[in-house]
Each structure stands twice: as structure tokens, then as C-alpha cells.
Amino acid sequence: MAWIILIFASMFEVVMALGLKRSAGFTHLAWSAVALLGAAASMWLLALALRTIPMGTGYAVWTGLGGAFTAVVGMVALGESRDPMRLAGLVTVVVGVVLLQLSEHN
């Protein structure tokens, strides 16, 4: 269950990042609120997950997945680059996250 909570925490990082992008430097109140609420939800869920997942692993997975999810949303929704090197980097991050998760079962 902690791993599912951690994945949701990473998804709220995407909400935060989109809110930050749309807030235009915190000049749009509604998007600024979305960014702050996304950040708060993400950190709260991370804290819950860290009750059972080791801190180093949990934090690495949280930031890795959050970054990967955000990059994919940027590519799909915001028209950001889909350069093969960038995609290879995302695959590397996801493989690293999977390896970290698998290492917790040994």
C-alpha cells in the first residue's frame, strides 16, 4: 500500500509543476493555489509512504517518478520536446525507480 501512496505522491508533483507553470511566477492566484495544494498533497502522501518505505528509497522514487511523470505531461499536453535522448533519459529514470523498488523485497 505504501508504494501506491508513493505513486500518488509523485502524481501530485505533476499537479504542483503544472500549477507553477500556469501561475506565471505566482501572478495568477488560482494556479498558484493549485501549485501550493499539489505540493502539500504530494509531501503529505510522501510522509505517509515513508512510514514503511526507507527514506532514501522513498525520496528517490518520489522525485524520480514525479520528474518522469511531469516530463511526459509536458511532452503530451504542452508540446515539449520528444527528442530520443530525452526519452532515453526518462526510460533510465523509470528503470532506476523499478530497481529501487525491487531492492526493498530482498
PDB file of N, CA and C in Angstrom:
ATOM      1  N   MET A   1       0.815  -1.206   0.000  1.00  0.00           N
ATOM      2  CA  MET A   1       0.000   0.000   0.000  1.00  0.00           C
ATOM      3  C   MET A   1       0.854   1.263   0.000  1.00  0.00           C
ATOM      4  N   ALA A   2       1.998   1.214   0.701  1.00  0.00           N
ATOM      5  CA  ALA A   2       2.875   2.390   0.763  1.00  0.00           C
ATOM      6  C   ALA A   2       3.388   2.773  -0.620  1.00  0.00           C
ATOM      7  N   TRP A   3       3.628   1.764  -1.476  1.00  0.00           N
ATOM      8  CA  TRP A   3       4.118   2.059  -2.829  1.00  0.00           C
ATOM      9  C   TRP A   3       3.051   2.751  -3.662  1.00  0.00           C
ATOM     10  N   ILE A   4       1.796   2.375  -3.479  1.00  0.00           N
ATOM     11  CA  ILE A   4       0.702   3.037  -4.203  1.00  0.00           C
ATOM     12  C   ILE A   4       0.580   4.487  -3.737  1.00  0.00           C
ATOM     13  N   ILE A   5       0.686   4.696  -2.430  1.00  0.00           N
ATOM     14  CA  ILE A   5       0.643   6.057  -1.884  1.00  0.00           C
ATOM     15  C   ILE A   5       1.790   6.882  -2.458  1.00  0.00           C
ATOM     16  N   LEU A   6       2.962   6.268  -2.572  1.00  0.00           N
ATOM     17  CA  LEU A   6       4.125   6.975  -3.120  1.00  0.00           C
ATOM     18  C   LEU A   6       3.910   7.348  -4.582  1.00  0.00           C
ATOM     19  N   ILE A   7       3.277   6.493  -5.352  1.00  0.00           N
ATOM     20  CA  ILE A   7       2.979   6.819  -6.752  1.00  0.00           C
ATOM     21  C   ILE A   7       2.018   8.000  -6.824  1.00  0.00           C
ATOM     22  N   PHE A   8       1.005   8.012  -5.970  1.00  0.00           N
ATOM     23  CA  PHE A   8       0.077   9.150  -5.939  1.00  0.00           C
ATOM     24  C   PHE A   8       0.799  10.430  -5.500  1.00  0.00           C
ATOM     25  N   ALA A   9       1.729  10.304  -4.569  1.00  0.00           N
ATOM     26  CA  ALA A   9       2.519  11.470  -4.161  1.00  0.00           C
ATOM     27  C   ALA A   9       3.275  12.036  -5.353  1.00  0.00           C
ATOM     28  N   SER A  10       3.819  11.160  -6.172  1.00  0.00           N
ATOM     29  CA  SER A  10       4.544  11.596  -7.372  1.00  0.00           C
ATOM     30  C   SER A  10       3.610  12.257  -8.377  1.00  0.00           C
ATOM     31  N   MET A  11       2.396  11.764  -8.471  1.00  0.00           N
ATOM     32  CA  MET A  11       1.420  12.371  -9.383  1.00  0.00           C
ATOM     33  C   MET A  11       1.051  13.784  -8.940  1.00  0.00           C
ATOM     34  N   PHE A  12       0.999  13.989  -7.621  1.00  0.00           N
ATOM     35  CA  PHE A  12       0.706  15.338  -7.140  1.00  0.00           C
ATOM     36  C   PHE A  12       1.876  16.293  -7.388  1.00  0.00           C
ATOM     37  N   GLU A  13       3.069  15.744  -7.584  1.00  0.00           N
ATOM     38  CA  GLU A  13       4.180  16.590  -8.017  1.00  0.00           C
ATOM     39  C   GLU A  13       3.890  17.175  -9.392  1.00  0.00           C
ATOM     40  N   VAL A  14       3.240  16.393 -10.239  1.00  0.00           N
ATOM     41  CA  VAL A  14       2.855  16.875 -11.567  1.00  0.00           C
ATOM     42  C   VAL A  14       1.848  18.014 -11.428  1.00  0.00           C
ATOM     43  N   VAL A  15       0.879  17.851 -10.530  1.00  0.00           N
ATOM     44  CA  VAL A  15      -0.106  18.913 -10.282  1.00  0.00           C
ATOM     45  C   VAL A  15       0.612  20.182  -9.848  1.00  0.00           C
ATOM     46  N   MET A  16       1.584  20.022  -8.942  1.00  0.00           N
ATOM     47  CA  MET A  16       2.350  21.182  -8.485  1.00  0.00           C
ATOM     48  C   MET A  16       3.085  21.842  -9.650  1.00  0.00           C
ATOM     49  N   ALA A  17       3.768  21.039 -10.459  1.00  0.00           N
ATOM     50  CA  ALA A  17       4.550  21.591 -11.566  1.00  0.00           C
ATOM     51  C   ALA A  17       3.670  22.309 -12.588  1.00  0.00           C
ATOM     52  N   LEU A  18       2.530  21.707 -12.910  1.00  0.00           N
ATOM     53  CA  LEU A  18       1.609  22.370 -13.839  1.00  0.00           C
ATOM     54  C   LEU A  18       1.081  23.675 -13.249  1.00  0.00           C
ATOM     55  N   GLY A  19       0.771  23.637 -11.953  1.00  0.00           N
ATOM     56  CA  GLY A  19       0.328  24.867 -11.296  1.00  0.00           C
ATOM     57  C   GLY A  19       1.392  25.943 -11.337  1.00  0.00           C
ATOM     58  N   LEU A  20       2.642  25.543 -11.107  1.00  0.00           N
ATOM     59  CA  LEU A  20       3.740  26.511 -11.167  1.00  0.00           C
ATOM     60  C   LEU A  20       3.880  27.107 -12.565  1.00  0.00           C
ATOM     61  N   LYS A  21       3.792  26.255 -13.578  1.00  0.00           N
ATOM     62  CA  LYS A  21       3.908  26.720 -14.965  1.00  0.00           C
ATOM     63  C   LYS A  21       2.802  27.707 -15.296  1.00  0.00           C
ATOM     64  N   ARG A  22       1.581  27.337 -14.950  1.00  0.00           N
ATOM     65  CA  ARG A  22       0.418  28.179 -15.283  1.00  0.00           C
ATOM     66  C   ARG A  22       0.302  29.422 -14.392  1.00  0.00           C
ATOM     67  N   SER A  23       0.949  29.395 -13.218  1.00  0.00           N
ATOM     68  CA  SER A  23       0.833  30.540 -12.310  1.00  0.00           C
ATOM     69  C   SER A  23       1.629  31.754 -12.787  1.00  0.00           C
ATOM     70  N   ALA A  24       2.515  31.543 -13.757  1.00  0.00           N
ATOM     71  CA  ALA A  24       3.334  32.629 -14.305  1.00  0.00           C
ATOM     72  C   ALA A  24       4.070  33.368 -13.187  1.00  0.00           C
ATOM     73  N   GLY A  25       4.820  32.599 -12.414  1.00  0.00           N
ATOM     74  CA  GLY A  25       5.588  33.210 -11.329  1.00  0.00           C
ATOM     75  C   GLY A  25       4.714  33.670 -10.175  1.00  0.00           C
ATOM     76  N   PHE A  26       3.681  32.921  -9.879  1.00  0.00           N
ATOM     77  CA  PHE A  26       2.727  33.223  -8.807  1.00  0.00           C
ATOM     78  C   PHE A  26       1.978  34.530  -9.031  1.00  0.00           C
ATOM     79  N   THR A  27       1.751  34.874 -10.305  1.00  0.00           N
ATOM     80  CA  THR A  27       0.970  36.081 -10.592  1.00  0.00           C
ATOM     81  C   THR A  27      -0.505  35.772 -10.845  1.00  0.00           C
ATOM     82  N   HIS A  28      -0.842  34.497 -11.044  1.00  0.00           N
ATOM     83  CA  HIS A  28      -2.237  34.076 -11.205  1.00  0.00           C
ATOM     84  C   HIS A  28      -2.632  33.295  -9.958  1.00  0.00           C
ATOM     85  N   LEU A  29      -3.547  33.856  -9.204  1.00  0.00           N
ATOM     86  CA  LEU A  29      -3.898  33.321  -7.887  1.00  0.00           C
ATOM     87  C   LEU A  29      -4.405  31.880  -7.938  1.00  0.00           C
ATOM     88  N   ALA A  30      -5.309  31.579  -8.842  1.00  0.00           N
ATOM     89  CA  ALA A  30      -5.891  30.237  -8.874  1.00  0.00           C
ATOM     90  C   ALA A  30      -4.826  29.182  -9.169  1.00  0.00           C
ATOM     91  N   TRP A  31      -3.977  29.431 -10.155  1.00  0.00           N
ATOM     92  CA  TRP A  31      -2.928  28.460 -10.481  1.00  0.00           C
ATOM     93  C   TRP A  31      -1.874  28.394  -9.386  1.00  0.00           C
ATOM     94  N   SER A  32      -1.647  29.496  -8.711  1.00  0.00           N
ATOM     95  CA  SER A  32      -0.730  29.489  -7.567  1.00  0.00           C
ATOM     96  C   SER A  32      -1.265  28.586  -6.470  1.00  0.00           C
ATOM     97  N   ALA A  33      -2.575  28.652  -6.246  1.00  0.00           N
ATOM     98  CA  ALA A  33      -3.209  27.792  -5.243  1.00  0.00           C
ATOM     99  C   ALA A  33      -3.107  26.321  -5.651  1.00  0.00           C
ATOM    100  N   VAL A  34      -3.291  26.037  -6.936  1.00  0.00           N
ATOM    101  CA  VAL A  34      -3.148  24.663  -7.426  1.00  0.00           C
ATOM    102  C   VAL A  34      -1.728  24.157  -7.142  1.00  0.00           C
ATOM    103  N   ALA A  35      -0.734  24.990  -7.412  1.00  0.00           N
ATOM    104  CA  ALA A  35       0.658  24.598  -7.173  1.00  0.00           C
ATOM    105  C   ALA A  35       0.905  24.308  -5.697  1.00  0.00           C
ATOM    106  N   LEU A  36       0.432  25.177  -4.835  1.00  0.00           N
ATOM    107  CA  LEU A  36       0.656  25.001  -3.401  1.00  0.00           C
ATOM    108  C   LEU A  36      -0.097  23.787  -2.852  1.00  0.00           C
ATOM    109  N   LEU A  37      -1.320  23.588  -3.307  1.00  0.00           N
ATOM    110  CA  LEU A  37      -2.085  22.426  -2.860  1.00  0.00           C
ATOM    111  C   LEU A  37      -1.477  21.127  -3.393  1.00  0.00           C
ATOM    112  N   GLY A  38      -0.999  21.146  -4.628  1.00  0.00           N
ATOM    113  CA  GLY A  38      -0.322  19.976  -5.183  1.00  0.00           C
ATOM    114  C   GLY A  38       0.925  19.629  -4.393  1.00  0.00           C
ATOM    115  N   ALA A  39       1.696  20.650  -4.037  1.00  0.00           N
ATOM    116  CA  ALA A  39       2.914  20.432  -3.254  1.00  0.00           C
ATOM    117  C   ALA A  39       2.570  19.873  -1.876  1.00  0.00           C
ATOM    118  N   ALA A  40       1.560  20.442  -1.236  1.00  0.00           N
ATOM    119  CA  ALA A  40       1.171  19.977   0.102  1.00  0.00           C
ATOM    120  C   ALA A  40       0.676  18.540   0.055  1.00  0.00           C
ATOM    121  N   ALA A  41      -0.159  18.212  -0.913  1.00  0.00           N
ATOM    122  CA  ALA A  41      -0.672  16.846  -1.032  1.00  0.00           C
ATOM    123  C   ALA A  41       0.459  15.872  -1.319  1.00  0.00           C
ATOM    124  N   SER A  42       1.369  16.274  -2.190  1.00  0.00           N
ATOM    125  CA  SER A  42       2.490  15.409  -2.544  1.00  0.00           C
ATOM    126  C   SER A  42       3.364  15.105  -1.333  1.00  0.00           C
ATOM    127  N   MET A  43       3.681  16.114  -0.571  1.00  0.00           N
ATOM    128  CA  MET A  43       4.539  15.918   0.599  1.00  0.00           C
ATOM    129  C   MET A  43       3.824  15.132   1.699  1.00  0.00           C
ATOM    130  N   TRP A  44       2.533  15.372   1.863  1.00  0.00           N
ATOM    131  CA  TRP A  44       1.774  14.629   2.867  1.00  0.00           C
ATOM    132  C   TRP A  44       1.758  13.144   2.518  1.00  0.00           C
ATOM    133  N   LEU A  45       1.487  12.835   1.252  1.00  0.00           N
ATOM    134  CA  LEU A  45       1.478  11.442   0.830  1.00  0.00           C
ATOM    135  C   LEU A  45       2.862  10.815   0.938  1.00  0.00           C
ATOM    136  N   LEU A  46       3.898  11.587   0.614  1.00  0.00           N
ATOM    137  CA  LEU A  46       5.268  11.085   0.786  1.00  0.00           C
ATOM    138  C   LEU A  46       5.511  10.739   2.246  1.00  0.00           C
ATOM    139  N   ALA A  47       5.098  11.607   3.140  1.00  0.00           N
ATOM    140  CA  ALA A  47       5.289  11.352   4.574  1.00  0.00           C
ATOM    141  C   ALA A  47       4.578  10.071   5.008  1.00  0.00           C
ATOM    142  N   LEU A  48       3.386   9.840   4.486  1.00  0.00           N
ATOM    143  CA  LEU A  48       2.664   8.613   4.805  1.00  0.00           C
ATOM    144  C   LEU A  48       3.424   7.385   4.290  1.00  0.00           C
ATOM    145  N   ALA A  49       3.903   7.464   3.071  1.00  0.00           N
ATOM    146  CA  ALA A  49       4.623   6.332   2.475  1.00  0.00           C
ATOM    147  C   ALA A  49       5.911   6.033   3.230  1.00  0.00           C
ATOM    148  N   LEU A  50       6.562   7.086   3.735  1.00  0.00           N
ATOM    149  CA  LEU A  50       7.837   6.897   4.432  1.00  0.00           C
ATOM    150  C   LEU A  50       7.681   6.238   5.797  1.00  0.00           C
ATOM    151  N   ARG A  51       6.462   6.009   6.209  1.00  0.00           N
ATOM    152  CA  ARG A  51       6.254   5.247   7.451  1.00  0.00           C
ATOM    153  C   ARG A  51       6.790   3.827   7.302  1.00  0.00           C
ATOM    154  N   THR A  52       6.726   3.285   6.077  1.00  0.00           N
ATOM    155  CA  THR A  52       7.170   1.905   5.867  1.00  0.00           C
ATOM    156  C   THR A  52       8.280   1.767   4.824  1.00  0.00           C
ATOM    157  N   ILE A  53       8.384   2.710   3.911  1.00  0.00           N
ATOM    158  CA  ILE A  53       9.430   2.648   2.892  1.00  0.00           C
ATOM    159  C   ILE A  53      10.654   3.383   3.424  1.00  0.00           C
ATOM    160  N   PRO A  54      11.854   2.826   3.254  1.00  0.00           N
ATOM    161  CA  PRO A  54      13.057   3.532   3.705  1.00  0.00           C
ATOM    162  C   PRO A  54      13.157   4.925   3.063  1.00  0.00           C
ATOM    163  N   MET A  55      13.638   5.885   3.829  1.00  0.00           N
ATOM    164  CA  MET A  55      13.661   7.268   3.388  1.00  0.00           C
ATOM    165  C   MET A  55      14.401   7.466   2.070  1.00  0.00           C
ATOM    166  N   GLY A  56      15.598   6.916   1.948  1.00  0.00           N
ATOM    167  CA  GLY A  56      16.383   7.121   0.736  1.00  0.00           C
ATOM    168  C   GLY A  56      15.679   6.585  -0.492  1.00  0.00           C
ATOM    169  N   THR A  57      15.134   5.410  -0.373  1.00  0.00           N
ATOM    170  CA  THR A  57      14.408   4.802  -1.490  1.00  0.00           C
ATOM    171  C   THR A  57      13.144   5.594  -1.795  1.00  0.00           C
ATOM    172  N   GLY A  58      12.374   5.910  -0.774  1.00  0.00           N
ATOM    173  CA  GLY A  58      11.128   6.638  -0.971  1.00  0.00           C
ATOM    174  C   GLY A  58      11.336   7.987  -1.620  1.00  0.00           C
ATOM    175  N   TYR A  59      12.332   8.725  -1.146  1.00  0.00           N
ATOM    176  CA  TYR A  59      12.577  10.053  -1.703  1.00  0.00           C
ATOM    177  C   TYR A  59      13.054   9.951  -3.147  1.00  0.00           C
ATOM    178  N   ALA A  60      13.935   8.996  -3.430  1.00  0.00           N
ATOM    179  CA  ALA A  60      14.433   8.822  -4.798  1.00  0.00           C
ATOM    180  C   ALA A  60      13.302   8.442  -5.754  1.00  0.00           C
ATOM    181  N   VAL A  61      12.428   7.553  -5.316  1.00  0.00           N
ATOM    182  CA  VAL A  61      11.297   7.149  -6.153  1.00  0.00           C
ATOM    183  C   VAL A  61      10.342   8.322  -6.344  1.00  0.00           C
ATOM    184  N   TRP A  62      10.063   9.056  -5.278  1.00  0.00           N
ATOM    185  CA  TRP A  62       9.156  10.205  -5.340  1.00  0.00           C
ATOM    186  C   TRP A  62       9.649  11.244  -6.346  1.00  0.00           C
ATOM    187  N   THR A  63      10.895  11.615  -6.236  1.00  0.00           N
ATOM    188  CA  THR A  63      11.425  12.624  -7.150  1.00  0.00           C
ATOM    189  C   THR A  63      11.591  12.073  -8.563  1.00  0.00           C
ATOM    190  N   GLY A  64      12.025  10.819  -8.676  1.00  0.00           N
ATOM    191  CA  GLY A  64      12.219  10.226  -9.998  1.00  0.00           C
ATOM    192  C   GLY A  64      10.918  10.099 -10.769  1.00  0.00           C
ATOM    193  N   LEU A  65       9.918   9.502 -10.133  1.00  0.00           N
ATOM    194  CA  LEU A  65       8.624   9.363 -10.804  1.00  0.00           C
ATOM    195  C   LEU A  65       7.964  10.715 -11.040  1.00  0.00           C
ATOM    196  N   GLY A  66       8.062  11.601 -10.058  1.00  0.00           N
ATOM    197  CA  GLY A  66       7.476  12.934 -10.231  1.00  0.00           C
ATOM    198  C   GLY A  66       8.086  13.651 -11.423  1.00  0.00           C
ATOM    199  N   GLY A  67       9.399  13.565 -11.550  1.00  0.00           N
ATOM    200  CA  GLY A  67      10.073  14.181 -12.690  1.00  0.00           C
ATOM    201  C   GLY A  67       9.694  13.522 -14.004  1.00  0.00           C
ATOM    202  N   ALA A  68       9.642  12.197 -14.007  1.00  0.00           N
ATOM    203  CA  ALA A  68       9.290  11.475 -15.230  1.00  0.00           C
ATOM    204  C   ALA A  68       7.846  11.765 -15.644  1.00  0.00           C
ATOM    205  N   PHE A  69       6.915  11.689 -14.677  1.00  0.00           N
ATOM    206  CA  PHE A  69       5.513  11.984 -14.992  1.00  0.00           C
ATOM    207  C   PHE A  69       5.370  13.414 -15.516  1.00  0.00           C
ATOM    208  N   THR A  70       6.071  14.356 -14.891  1.00  0.00           N
ATOM    209  CA  THR A  70       5.988  15.754 -15.299  1.00  0.00           C
ATOM    210  C   THR A  70       6.539  15.939 -16.706  1.00  0.00           C
ATOM    211  N   ALA A  71       7.637  15.280 -17.016  1.00  0.00           N
ATOM    212  CA  ALA A  71       8.211  15.383 -18.354  1.00  0.00           C
ATOM    213  C   ALA A  71       7.256  14.827 -19.407  1.00  0.00           C
ATOM    214  N   VAL A  72       6.611  13.704 -19.102  1.00  0.00           N
ATOM    215  CA  VAL A  72       5.661  13.108 -20.051  1.00  0.00           C
ATOM    216  C   VAL A  72       4.463  14.035 -20.256  1.00  0.00           C
ATOM    217  N   VAL A  73       3.937  14.599 -19.181  1.00  0.00           N
ATOM    218  CA  VAL A  73       2.816  15.532 -19.301  1.00  0.00           C
ATOM    219  C   VAL A  73       3.248  16.754 -20.113  1.00  0.00           C
ATOM    220  N   GLY A  74       4.465  17.221 -19.889  1.00  0.00           N
ATOM    221  CA  GLY A  74       4.969  18.346 -20.677  1.00  0.00           C
ATOM    222  C   GLY A  74       5.024  18.022 -22.162  1.00  0.00           C
ATOM    223  N   MET A  75       5.436  16.819 -22.483  1.00  0.00           N
ATOM    224  CA  MET A  75       5.501  16.408 -23.889  1.00  0.00           C
ATOM    225  C   MET A  75       4.117  16.283 -24.504  1.00  0.00           C
ATOM    226  N   VAL A  76       3.203  15.661 -23.763  1.00  0.00           N
ATOM    227  CA  VAL A  76       1.866  15.382 -24.297  1.00  0.00           C
ATOM    228  C   VAL A  76       0.988  16.632 -24.299  1.00  0.00           C
ATOM    229  N   ALA A  77       0.951  17.343 -23.191  1.00  0.00           N
ATOM    230  CA  ALA A  77      -0.002  18.445 -23.043  1.00  0.00           C
ATOM    231  C   ALA A  77       0.563  19.811 -23.425  1.00  0.00           C
ATOM    232  N   LEU A  78       1.884  19.969 -23.319  1.00  0.00           N
ATOM    233  CA  LEU A  78       2.468  21.295 -23.548  1.00  0.00           C
ATOM    234  C   LEU A  78       3.355  21.357 -24.786  1.00  0.00           C
ATOM    235  N   GLY A  79       3.433  20.253 -25.528  1.00  0.00           N
ATOM    236  CA  GLY A  79       4.203  20.248 -26.759  1.00  0.00           C
ATOM    237  C   GLY A  79       5.708  20.333 -26.571  1.00  0.00           C
ATOM    238  N   GLU A  80       6.199  19.891 -25.414  1.00  0.00           N
ATOM    239  CA  GLU A  80       7.641  19.937 -25.187  1.00  0.00           C
ATOM    240  C   GLU A  80       8.351  18.865 -26.005  1.00  0.00           C
ATOM    241  N   SER A  81       9.651  18.987 -26.120  1.00  0.00           N
ATOM    242  CA  SER A  81      10.472  18.131 -26.965  1.00  0.00           C
ATOM    243  C   SER A  81      10.299  16.643 -26.651  1.00  0.00           C
ATOM    244  N   ARG A  82      10.266  15.852 -27.733  1.00  0.00           N
ATOM    245  CA  ARG A  82      10.242  14.391 -27.622  1.00  0.00           C
ATOM    246  C   ARG A  82      11.523  13.811 -28.214  1.00  0.00           C
ATOM    247  N   ASP A  83      12.589  14.535 -28.068  1.00  0.00           N
ATOM    248  CA  ASP A  83      13.891  14.124 -28.584  1.00  0.00           C
ATOM    249  C   ASP A  83      14.246  12.728 -28.067  1.00  0.00           C
ATOM    250  N   PRO A  84      14.804  11.856 -28.910  1.00  0.00           N
ATOM    251  CA  PRO A  84      15.148  10.499 -28.474  1.00  0.00           C
ATOM    252  C   PRO A  84      16.061  10.457 -27.241  1.00  0.00           C
ATOM    253  N   MET A  85      16.981  11.380 -27.116  1.00  0.00           N
ATOM    254  CA  MET A  85      17.862  11.415 -25.954  1.00  0.00           C
ATOM    255  C   MET A  85      17.057  11.690 -24.680  1.00  0.00           C
ATOM    256  N   ARG A  86      16.097  12.569 -24.799  1.00  0.00           N
ATOM    257  CA  ARG A  86      15.233  12.881 -23.651  1.00  0.00           C
ATOM    258  C   ARG A  86      14.403  11.666 -23.256  1.00  0.00           C
ATOM    259  N   LEU A  87      13.853  10.980 -24.241  1.00  0.00           N
ATOM    260  CA  LEU A  87      13.071   9.780 -23.968  1.00  0.00           C
ATOM    261  C   LEU A  87      13.943   8.696 -23.334  1.00  0.00           C
ATOM    262  N   ALA A  88      15.178   8.558 -23.804  1.00  0.00           N
ATOM    263  CA  ALA A  88      16.096   7.578 -23.219  1.00  0.00           C
ATOM    264  C   ALA A  88      16.379   7.920 -21.756  1.00  0.00           C
ATOM    265  N   GLY A  89      16.513   9.193 -21.454  1.00  0.00           N
ATOM    266  CA  GLY A  89      16.719   9.612 -20.069  1.00  0.00           C
ATOM    267  C   GLY A  89      15.537   9.249 -19.191  1.00  0.00           C
ATOM    268  N   LEU A  90      14.317   9.434 -19.712  1.00  0.00           N
ATOM    269  CA  LEU A  90      13.121   9.071 -18.952  1.00  0.00           C
ATOM    270  C   LEU A  90      13.061   7.568 -18.700  1.00  0.00           C
ATOM    271  N   VAL A  91      13.400   6.787 -19.710  1.00  0.00           N
ATOM    272  CA  VAL A  91      13.422   5.335 -19.536  1.00  0.00           C
ATOM    273  C   VAL A  91      14.432   4.957 -18.459  1.00  0.00           C
ATOM    274  N   THR A  92      15.577   5.610 -18.459  1.00  0.00           N
ATOM    275  CA  THR A  92      16.602   5.336 -17.453  1.00  0.00           C
ATOM    276  C   THR A  92      16.094   5.636 -16.047  1.00  0.00           C
ATOM    277  N   VAL A  93      15.384   6.748 -15.886  1.00  0.00           N
ATOM    278  CA  VAL A  93      14.823   7.101 -14.582  1.00  0.00           C
ATOM    279  C   VAL A  93      13.828   6.034 -14.126  1.00  0.00           C
ATOM    280  N   VAL A  94      12.946   5.627 -15.018  1.00  0.00           N
ATOM    281  CA  VAL A  94      11.926   4.633 -14.657  1.00  0.00           C
ATOM    282  C   VAL A  94      12.577   3.298 -14.302  1.00  0.00           C
ATOM    283  N   VAL A  95      13.589   2.886 -15.061  1.00  0.00           N
ATOM    284  CA  VAL A  95      14.296   1.643 -14.748  1.00  0.00           C
ATOM    285  C   VAL A  95      14.941   1.748 -13.366  1.00  0.00           C
ATOM    286  N   GLY A  96      15.534   2.890 -13.060  1.00  0.00           N
ATOM    287  CA  GLY A  96      16.130   3.094 -11.743  1.00  0.00           C
ATOM    288  C   GLY A  96      15.107   2.998 -10.626  1.00  0.00           C
ATOM    289  N   VAL A  97      13.938   3.573 -10.845  1.00  0.00           N
ATOM    290  CA  VAL A  97      12.862   3.511  -9.848  1.00  0.00           C
ATOM    291  C   VAL A  97      12.421   2.065  -9.625  1.00  0.00           C
ATOM    292  N   VAL A  98      12.265   1.318 -10.702  1.00  0.00           N
ATOM    293  CA  VAL A  98      11.867  -0.084 -10.582  1.00  0.00           C
ATOM    294  C   VAL A  98      12.921  -0.874  -9.818  1.00  0.00           C
ATOM    295  N   LEU A  99      14.190  -0.645 -10.127  1.00  0.00           N
ATOM    296  CA  LEU A  99      15.259  -1.339  -9.424  1.00  0.00           C
ATOM    297  C   LEU A  99      15.278  -1.012  -7.933  1.00  0.00           C
ATOM    298  N   LEU A 100      15.039   0.237  -7.593  1.00  0.00           N
ATOM    299  CA  LEU A 100      14.963   0.625  -6.177  1.00  0.00           C
ATOM    300  C   LEU A 100      13.807  -0.089  -5.486  1.00  0.00           C
ATOM    301  N   GLN A 101      12.661  -0.142  -6.154  1.00  0.00           N
ATOM    302  CA  GLN A 101      11.510  -0.812  -5.562  1.00  0.00           C
ATOM    303  C   GLN A 101      11.774  -2.294  -5.382  1.00  0.00           C
ATOM    304  N   LEU A 102      12.370  -2.920  -6.370  1.00  0.00           N
ATOM    305  CA  LEU A 102      12.662  -4.354  -6.276  1.00  0.00           C
ATOM    306  C   LEU A 102      13.681  -4.653  -5.179  1.00  0.00           C
ATOM    307  N   SER A 103      14.586  -3.734  -4.933  1.00  0.00           N
ATOM    308  CA  SER A 103      15.619  -3.968  -3.923  1.00  0.00           C
ATOM    309  C   SER A 103      15.046  -4.013  -2.517  1.00  0.00           C
ATOM    310  N   GLU A 104      13.867  -3.457  -2.308  1.00  0.00           N
ATOM    311  CA  GLU A 104      13.238  -3.442  -0.985  1.00  0.00           C
ATOM    312  C   GLU A 104      12.638  -4.794  -0.613  1.00  0.00           C
ATOM    313  N   HIS A 105      12.519  -5.697  -1.565  1.00  0.00           N
ATOM    314  CA  HIS A 105      11.948  -7.012  -1.288  1.00  0.00           C
ATOM    315  C   HIS A 105      13.020  -8.041  -0.944  1.00  0.00           C
ATOM    316  N   ASN A 106      14.285  -7.685  -1.030  1.00  0.00           N
ATOM    317  CA  ASN A 106      15.379  -8.626  -0.756  1.00  0.00           C
ATOM    318  C   ASN A 106      15.742  -8.626   0.705  1.00  0.00           C
TER     319      ASN A 106
END
